[in-house]
Amino acid sequence: MAVKTWQSEMVTIKVDYDKCKGHGDCVDSCPGEVYELKDGKAVPVNINDCVGYDYLGDTHTRFPAR
């Protein structure tokens, strides 16, 4: 499955599904409430609400700055 990418005009979000454990760390810690878990994987459902960059070691989720 590897890395899945979502893109809007302002931001690109990449989630490494091989490393995502589905714990929901990104859902809980994302200040923009960008993520939801779907089928045990992180999905950026509110991509335009992304407010910055973070790297979550357990889920290896990346949401780059605008």
N, C-alpha and C. Protein backbone atom coordinates (compact mmCIF):
# COMPACT_ATOMS: atom_id res chain seq x y z
N MET A 1 0.84 -1.19 0.00
CA MET A 1 0.00 0.00 0.00
C MET A 1 0.88 1.24 0.00
N ALA A 2 1.91 1.25 0.77
CA ALA A 2 2.92 2.33 0.80
C ALA A 2 2.35 3.69 1.17
N VAL A 3 2.90 4.73 0.57
CA VAL A 3 2.54 6.09 0.93
C VAL A 3 1.37 6.55 0.05
N LYS A 4 0.34 7.05 0.72
CA LYS A 4 -0.80 7.61 0.00
C LYS A 4 -0.74 9.13 0.17
N THR A 5 -1.04 9.85 -0.90
CA THR A 5 -0.91 11.31 -0.91
C THR A 5 -2.25 11.95 -1.24
N TRP A 6 -2.56 13.00 -0.48
CA TRP A 6 -3.73 13.85 -0.73
C TRP A 6 -3.20 15.25 -0.94
N GLN A 7 -3.82 15.99 -1.85
CA GLN A 7 -3.32 17.33 -2.14
C GLN A 7 -4.48 18.29 -2.35
N SER A 8 -4.30 19.49 -1.82
CA SER A 8 -5.22 20.59 -2.09
C SER A 8 -4.39 21.72 -2.66
N GLU A 9 -4.99 22.86 -2.86
CA GLU A 9 -4.23 24.01 -3.38
C GLU A 9 -3.18 24.48 -2.40
N MET A 10 -3.43 24.28 -1.09
CA MET A 10 -2.55 24.84 -0.06
C MET A 10 -1.62 23.83 0.61
N VAL A 11 -1.94 22.54 0.57
CA VAL A 11 -1.18 21.58 1.36
C VAL A 11 -1.17 20.21 0.69
N THR A 12 -0.10 19.48 0.96
CA THR A 12 0.01 18.08 0.56
C THR A 12 0.17 17.26 1.82
N ILE A 13 -0.62 16.21 1.95
CA ILE A 13 -0.56 15.33 3.11
C ILE A 13 -0.19 13.93 2.63
N LYS A 14 0.80 13.34 3.29
CA LYS A 14 1.25 11.98 2.96
C LYS A 14 1.11 11.11 4.19
N VAL A 15 0.52 9.93 4.01
CA VAL A 15 0.39 8.96 5.09
C VAL A 15 1.02 7.65 4.60
N ASP A 16 1.98 7.16 5.36
CA ASP A 16 2.63 5.90 5.03
C ASP A 16 1.80 4.76 5.62
N TYR A 17 0.97 4.15 4.81
CA TYR A 17 0.06 3.11 5.27
C TYR A 17 0.78 1.83 5.68
N ASP A 18 2.00 1.63 5.24
CA ASP A 18 2.76 0.47 5.70
C ASP A 18 3.19 0.64 7.15
N LYS A 19 3.34 1.87 7.60
CA LYS A 19 3.77 2.14 8.97
C LYS A 19 2.62 2.54 9.89
N CYS A 20 1.50 2.98 9.31
CA CYS A 20 0.34 3.39 10.11
C CYS A 20 -0.22 2.17 10.84
N LYS A 21 -0.31 2.26 12.16
CA LYS A 21 -0.82 1.16 12.98
C LYS A 21 -2.29 1.32 13.30
N GLY A 22 -2.87 2.46 12.94
CA GLY A 22 -4.29 2.68 13.19
C GLY A 22 -4.62 2.99 14.64
N HIS A 23 -3.63 3.49 15.39
CA HIS A 23 -3.85 3.83 16.80
C HIS A 23 -4.64 5.11 16.98
N GLY A 24 -4.68 5.95 15.97
CA GLY A 24 -5.41 7.21 16.06
C GLY A 24 -4.63 8.35 16.67
N ASP A 25 -3.31 8.19 16.81
CA ASP A 25 -2.49 9.26 17.38
C ASP A 25 -2.61 10.55 16.56
N CYS A 26 -2.66 10.42 15.25
CA CYS A 26 -2.77 11.60 14.40
C CYS A 26 -4.13 12.26 14.57
N VAL A 27 -5.17 11.45 14.72
CA VAL A 27 -6.53 11.98 14.92
C VAL A 27 -6.58 12.79 16.21
N ASP A 28 -6.00 12.23 17.28
CA ASP A 28 -6.04 12.86 18.59
C ASP A 28 -5.14 14.09 18.71
N SER A 29 -4.02 14.10 18.00
CA SER A 29 -3.05 15.18 18.21
C SER A 29 -3.08 16.28 17.16
N CYS A 30 -3.76 16.07 16.07
CA CYS A 30 -3.78 17.08 15.00
C CYS A 30 -4.62 18.28 15.43
N PRO A 31 -3.99 19.47 15.52
CA PRO A 31 -4.73 20.66 15.98
C PRO A 31 -5.80 21.13 14.99
N GLY A 32 -5.68 20.74 13.74
CA GLY A 32 -6.66 21.15 12.73
C GLY A 32 -7.79 20.16 12.55
N GLU A 33 -7.78 19.08 13.33
CA GLU A 33 -8.79 18.01 13.23
C GLU A 33 -8.94 17.54 11.78
N VAL A 34 -7.79 17.28 11.17
CA VAL A 34 -7.73 16.91 9.76
C VAL A 34 -8.08 15.43 9.54
N TYR A 35 -7.71 14.56 10.49
CA TYR A 35 -7.77 13.12 10.27
C TYR A 35 -8.97 12.43 10.89
N GLU A 36 -9.36 11.32 10.24
CA GLU A 36 -10.27 10.34 10.80
C GLU A 36 -9.67 8.97 10.50
N LEU A 37 -10.03 7.98 11.31
CA LEU A 37 -9.63 6.61 11.00
C LEU A 37 -10.73 5.97 10.16
N LYS A 38 -10.31 5.39 9.05
CA LYS A 38 -11.23 4.65 8.19
C LYS A 38 -10.58 3.33 7.84
N ASP A 39 -11.27 2.26 8.15
CA ASP A 39 -10.73 0.91 7.91
C ASP A 39 -9.37 0.74 8.58
N GLY A 40 -9.20 1.36 9.76
CA GLY A 40 -7.98 1.20 10.54
C GLY A 40 -6.79 2.01 10.07
N LYS A 41 -7.02 2.97 9.19
CA LYS A 41 -5.93 3.81 8.69
C LYS A 41 -6.33 5.28 8.75
N ALA A 42 -5.33 6.16 8.89
CA ALA A 42 -5.57 7.60 8.95
C ALA A 42 -5.92 8.13 7.57
N VAL A 43 -6.97 8.94 7.53
CA VAL A 43 -7.41 9.56 6.28
C VAL A 43 -7.64 11.05 6.56
N PRO A 44 -6.98 11.92 5.80
CA PRO A 44 -7.18 13.37 6.01
C PRO A 44 -8.47 13.82 5.34
N VAL A 45 -9.54 13.85 6.11
CA VAL A 45 -10.86 14.19 5.57
C VAL A 45 -11.10 15.70 5.52
N ASN A 46 -10.32 16.45 6.29
CA ASN A 46 -10.44 17.92 6.32
C ASN A 46 -9.12 18.55 5.92
N ILE A 47 -8.62 18.22 4.76
CA ILE A 47 -7.27 18.61 4.34
C ILE A 47 -7.07 20.13 4.38
N ASN A 48 -8.09 20.90 4.09
CA ASN A 48 -7.93 22.36 4.08
C ASN A 48 -7.85 22.95 5.48
N ASP A 49 -8.08 22.14 6.51
CA ASP A 49 -7.96 22.61 7.89
C ASP A 49 -6.55 22.39 8.46
N CYS A 50 -5.64 21.85 7.65
CA CYS A 50 -4.27 21.60 8.09
C CYS A 50 -3.62 22.93 8.46
N VAL A 51 -3.03 22.98 9.66
CA VAL A 51 -2.46 24.23 10.16
C VAL A 51 -0.93 24.23 10.23
N GLY A 52 -0.28 23.15 9.86
CA GLY A 52 1.17 23.15 9.96
C GLY A 52 1.77 21.80 9.66
N TYR A 53 2.88 21.54 10.30
CA TYR A 53 3.66 20.33 10.04
C TYR A 53 3.88 19.59 11.33
N ASP A 54 3.76 18.28 11.27
CA ASP A 54 4.07 17.44 12.42
C ASP A 54 4.51 16.09 11.90
N TYR A 55 5.23 15.37 12.72
CA TYR A 55 5.62 14.01 12.37
C TYR A 55 5.37 13.15 13.58
N LEU A 56 4.46 12.21 13.44
CA LEU A 56 4.09 11.33 14.53
C LEU A 56 4.84 10.02 14.37
N GLY A 57 5.77 9.77 15.26
CA GLY A 57 6.65 8.61 15.14
C GLY A 57 5.93 7.27 15.07
N ASP A 58 4.87 7.08 15.85
CA ASP A 58 4.19 5.79 15.84
C ASP A 58 3.45 5.52 14.54
N THR A 59 2.79 6.52 14.01
CA THR A 59 2.00 6.30 12.81
C THR A 59 2.74 6.73 11.55
N HIS A 60 3.85 7.43 11.73
CA HIS A 60 4.63 7.93 10.59
C HIS A 60 3.74 8.72 9.65
N THR A 61 2.96 9.59 10.22
CA THR A 61 2.06 10.44 9.46
C THR A 61 2.68 11.81 9.32
N ARG A 62 2.56 12.36 8.16
CA ARG A 62 3.21 13.63 7.88
C ARG A 62 2.18 14.60 7.31
N PHE A 63 2.09 15.78 7.91
CA PHE A 63 1.28 16.81 7.29
C PHE A 63 2.11 18.08 7.17
N PRO A 64 2.59 18.37 5.95
CA PRO A 64 3.51 19.49 5.71
C PRO A 64 2.85 20.85 5.85
N ALA A 65 3.70 21.83 6.10
CA ALA A 65 3.24 23.22 6.20
C ALA A 65 2.79 23.72 4.83
N ARG A 66 1.96 24.70 4.87
CA ARG A 66 1.46 25.30 3.61
C ARG A 66 2.55 26.08 2.93
